[in-house]
Amino acid sequence: MIRRVARALLGAAFVSSGVEGLRDVDRRAARAQSYGVSDTVTVSRAVAGTQVLGGALLAINRLPRLASL
């Protein structure tokens, strides 16, 4: 019971972070550029989308091991 609630809360945190990243791509792209990434906007969107997808999978308890990677 506690694990299920904990996974849902952790998933919500990842979804929230991913949505924030999708809203503010430019700021994250600027940070990625400092790391030497070539296509910063695409990478920033991909990371944010992965966070949303992984968080959603954790929250609904589907493929939790894959989602936690």
N, C-alpha and C. Protein backbone atom coordinates (compact mmCIF):
# COMPACT_ATOMS: atom_id res chain seq x y z
N MET A 1 0.82 -1.18 0.00
CA MET A 1 0.00 0.00 0.00
C MET A 1 0.87 1.26 0.00
N ILE A 2 1.89 1.28 0.85
CA ILE A 2 2.75 2.45 0.93
C ILE A 2 3.56 2.62 -0.35
N ARG A 3 4.01 1.52 -0.93
CA ARG A 3 4.77 1.60 -2.17
C ARG A 3 3.93 2.19 -3.30
N ARG A 4 2.68 1.81 -3.35
CA ARG A 4 1.80 2.31 -4.41
C ARG A 4 1.61 3.82 -4.29
N VAL A 5 1.43 4.29 -3.07
CA VAL A 5 1.27 5.73 -2.85
C VAL A 5 2.59 6.45 -3.13
N ALA A 6 3.69 5.84 -2.71
CA ALA A 6 5.00 6.46 -2.93
C ALA A 6 5.30 6.56 -4.42
N ARG A 7 4.99 5.53 -5.19
CA ARG A 7 5.21 5.58 -6.63
C ARG A 7 4.35 6.65 -7.28
N ALA A 8 3.12 6.78 -6.83
CA ALA A 8 2.24 7.81 -7.39
C ALA A 8 2.78 9.21 -7.10
N LEU A 9 3.26 9.42 -5.88
CA LEU A 9 3.81 10.74 -5.53
C LEU A 9 5.10 11.03 -6.29
N LEU A 10 5.96 10.04 -6.43
CA LEU A 10 7.18 10.22 -7.19
C LEU A 10 6.87 10.47 -8.66
N GLY A 11 5.90 9.74 -9.19
CA GLY A 11 5.48 9.95 -10.57
C GLY A 11 4.95 11.35 -10.79
N ALA A 12 4.18 11.85 -9.84
CA ALA A 12 3.63 13.21 -9.96
C ALA A 12 4.75 14.25 -9.98
N ALA A 13 5.80 14.02 -9.22
CA ALA A 13 6.93 14.95 -9.23
C ALA A 13 7.62 14.97 -10.59
N PHE A 14 7.78 13.80 -11.21
CA PHE A 14 8.41 13.74 -12.53
C PHE A 14 7.52 14.37 -13.59
N VAL A 15 6.22 14.12 -13.52
CA VAL A 15 5.30 14.73 -14.48
C VAL A 15 5.34 16.25 -14.35
N SER A 16 5.32 16.74 -13.13
CA SER A 16 5.37 18.18 -12.91
C SER A 16 6.66 18.79 -13.46
N SER A 17 7.77 18.14 -13.20
CA SER A 17 9.05 18.63 -13.70
C SER A 17 9.10 18.60 -15.23
N GLY A 18 8.56 17.55 -15.82
CA GLY A 18 8.56 17.44 -17.27
C GLY A 18 7.68 18.48 -17.93
N VAL A 19 6.51 18.73 -17.36
CA VAL A 19 5.62 19.75 -17.91
C VAL A 19 6.27 21.13 -17.79
N GLU A 20 6.91 21.39 -16.67
CA GLU A 20 7.62 22.66 -16.50
C GLU A 20 8.73 22.79 -17.54
N GLY A 21 9.41 21.70 -17.82
CA GLY A 21 10.46 21.71 -18.84
C GLY A 21 9.92 21.96 -20.23
N LEU A 22 8.75 21.43 -20.54
CA LEU A 22 8.14 21.66 -21.84
C LEU A 22 7.67 23.10 -21.99
N ARG A 23 7.27 23.71 -20.89
CA ARG A 23 6.83 25.10 -20.94
C ARG A 23 8.00 26.07 -21.08
N ASP A 24 9.12 25.73 -20.50
CA ASP A 24 10.27 26.63 -20.48
C ASP A 24 11.47 25.96 -21.15
N VAL A 25 11.32 25.67 -22.43
CA VAL A 25 12.36 24.95 -23.17
C VAL A 25 13.61 25.81 -23.34
N ASP A 26 13.43 27.09 -23.53
CA ASP A 26 14.59 27.96 -23.81
C ASP A 26 15.60 27.97 -22.66
N ARG A 27 15.11 28.04 -21.45
CA ARG A 27 16.02 28.07 -20.29
C ARG A 27 16.79 26.76 -20.18
N ARG A 28 16.09 25.66 -20.38
CA ARG A 28 16.77 24.36 -20.30
C ARG A 28 17.71 24.14 -21.48
N ALA A 29 17.35 24.70 -22.64
CA ALA A 29 18.23 24.59 -23.81
C ALA A 29 19.51 25.36 -23.57
N ALA A 30 19.41 26.51 -22.92
CA ALA A 30 20.62 27.29 -22.61
C ALA A 30 21.53 26.52 -21.66
N ARG A 31 20.93 25.84 -20.69
CA ARG A 31 21.74 25.03 -19.77
C ARG A 31 22.39 23.85 -20.51
N ALA A 32 21.65 23.23 -21.42
CA ALA A 32 22.20 22.10 -22.17
C ALA A 32 23.34 22.55 -23.07
N GLN A 33 23.27 23.78 -23.56
CA GLN A 33 24.34 24.30 -24.42
C GLN A 33 25.64 24.44 -23.64
N SER A 34 25.53 24.74 -22.36
CA SER A 34 26.74 24.85 -21.55
C SER A 34 27.42 23.50 -21.35
N TYR A 35 26.68 22.42 -21.55
CA TYR A 35 27.25 21.07 -21.45
C TYR A 35 27.81 20.58 -22.78
N GLY A 36 27.64 21.37 -23.84
CA GLY A 36 28.20 21.01 -25.14
C GLY A 36 27.26 20.20 -26.02
N VAL A 37 25.97 20.26 -25.76
CA VAL A 37 25.00 19.54 -26.58
C VAL A 37 24.79 20.33 -27.86
N SER A 38 24.72 19.63 -29.01
CA SER A 38 24.62 20.34 -30.29
C SER A 38 23.21 20.84 -30.58
N ASP A 39 22.20 19.98 -30.50
CA ASP A 39 20.81 20.39 -30.80
C ASP A 39 20.06 20.53 -29.48
N THR A 40 20.20 21.67 -28.85
CA THR A 40 19.76 21.84 -27.47
C THR A 40 18.25 21.80 -27.29
N VAL A 41 17.51 22.41 -28.21
CA VAL A 41 16.06 22.47 -28.06
C VAL A 41 15.45 21.08 -28.18
N THR A 42 15.90 20.32 -29.14
CA THR A 42 15.37 18.96 -29.33
C THR A 42 15.70 18.07 -28.13
N VAL A 43 16.91 18.18 -27.64
CA VAL A 43 17.32 17.37 -26.48
C VAL A 43 16.52 17.77 -25.25
N SER A 44 16.30 19.06 -25.06
CA SER A 44 15.53 19.54 -23.90
C SER A 44 14.09 19.04 -23.96
N ARG A 45 13.50 19.07 -25.14
CA ARG A 45 12.13 18.56 -25.30
C ARG A 45 12.08 17.06 -25.07
N ALA A 46 13.08 16.34 -25.56
CA ALA A 46 13.11 14.89 -25.38
C ALA A 46 13.24 14.51 -23.91
N VAL A 47 14.08 15.22 -23.18
CA VAL A 47 14.26 14.93 -21.76
C VAL A 47 12.97 15.23 -21.00
N ALA A 48 12.33 16.35 -21.30
CA ALA A 48 11.08 16.71 -20.63
C ALA A 48 9.98 15.70 -20.96
N GLY A 49 9.90 15.28 -22.21
CA GLY A 49 8.90 14.28 -22.59
C GLY A 49 9.14 12.94 -21.91
N THR A 50 10.40 12.57 -21.77
CA THR A 50 10.74 11.34 -21.07
C THR A 50 10.35 11.41 -19.60
N GLN A 51 10.54 12.58 -19.00
CA GLN A 51 10.14 12.75 -17.60
C GLN A 51 8.63 12.61 -17.46
N VAL A 52 7.88 13.20 -18.37
CA VAL A 52 6.41 13.10 -18.30
C VAL A 52 5.98 11.65 -18.47
N LEU A 53 6.53 10.97 -19.46
CA LEU A 53 6.15 9.59 -19.72
C LEU A 53 6.54 8.67 -18.56
N GLY A 54 7.76 8.80 -18.08
CA GLY A 54 8.20 7.98 -16.96
C GLY A 54 7.39 8.24 -15.70
N GLY A 55 7.10 9.50 -15.44
CA GLY A 55 6.29 9.84 -14.28
C GLY A 55 4.88 9.32 -14.37
N ALA A 56 4.31 9.39 -15.57
CA ALA A 56 2.96 8.86 -15.77
C ALA A 56 2.93 7.35 -15.58
N LEU A 57 3.94 6.67 -16.10
CA LEU A 57 4.00 5.21 -15.93
C LEU A 57 4.16 4.83 -14.46
N LEU A 58 4.95 5.59 -13.71
CA LEU A 58 5.08 5.33 -12.28
C LEU A 58 3.76 5.59 -11.56
N ALA A 59 3.10 6.68 -11.92
CA ALA A 59 1.88 7.06 -11.22
C ALA A 59 0.76 6.06 -11.42
N ILE A 60 0.67 5.48 -12.62
CA ILE A 60 -0.40 4.51 -12.88
C ILE A 60 0.05 3.07 -12.64
N ASN A 61 1.30 2.91 -12.18
CA ASN A 61 1.85 1.61 -11.82
C ASN A 61 1.92 0.65 -13.01
N ARG A 62 2.30 1.17 -14.15
CA ARG A 62 2.53 0.35 -15.34
C ARG A 62 4.03 0.36 -15.63
N LEU A 63 4.61 -0.78 -15.79
CA LEU A 63 6.05 -0.91 -16.06
C LEU A 63 6.88 -0.08 -15.08
N PRO A 64 6.70 -0.28 -13.78
CA PRO A 64 7.39 0.58 -12.81
C PRO A 64 8.91 0.46 -12.84
N ARG A 65 9.45 -0.70 -13.16
CA ARG A 65 10.90 -0.84 -13.20
C ARG A 65 11.47 -0.10 -14.40
N LEU A 66 10.81 -0.21 -15.54
CA LEU A 66 11.26 0.52 -16.72
C LEU A 66 11.10 2.02 -16.52
N ALA A 67 10.00 2.43 -15.91
CA ALA A 67 9.74 3.86 -15.69
C ALA A 67 10.74 4.46 -14.70
N SER A 68 11.26 3.66 -13.80
CA SER A 68 12.17 4.22 -12.79
C SER A 68 13.59 4.36 -13.31
N LEU A 69 13.87 3.88 -14.51
CA LEU A 69 15.21 4.06 -15.07
C LEU A 69 15.35 5.48 -15.46
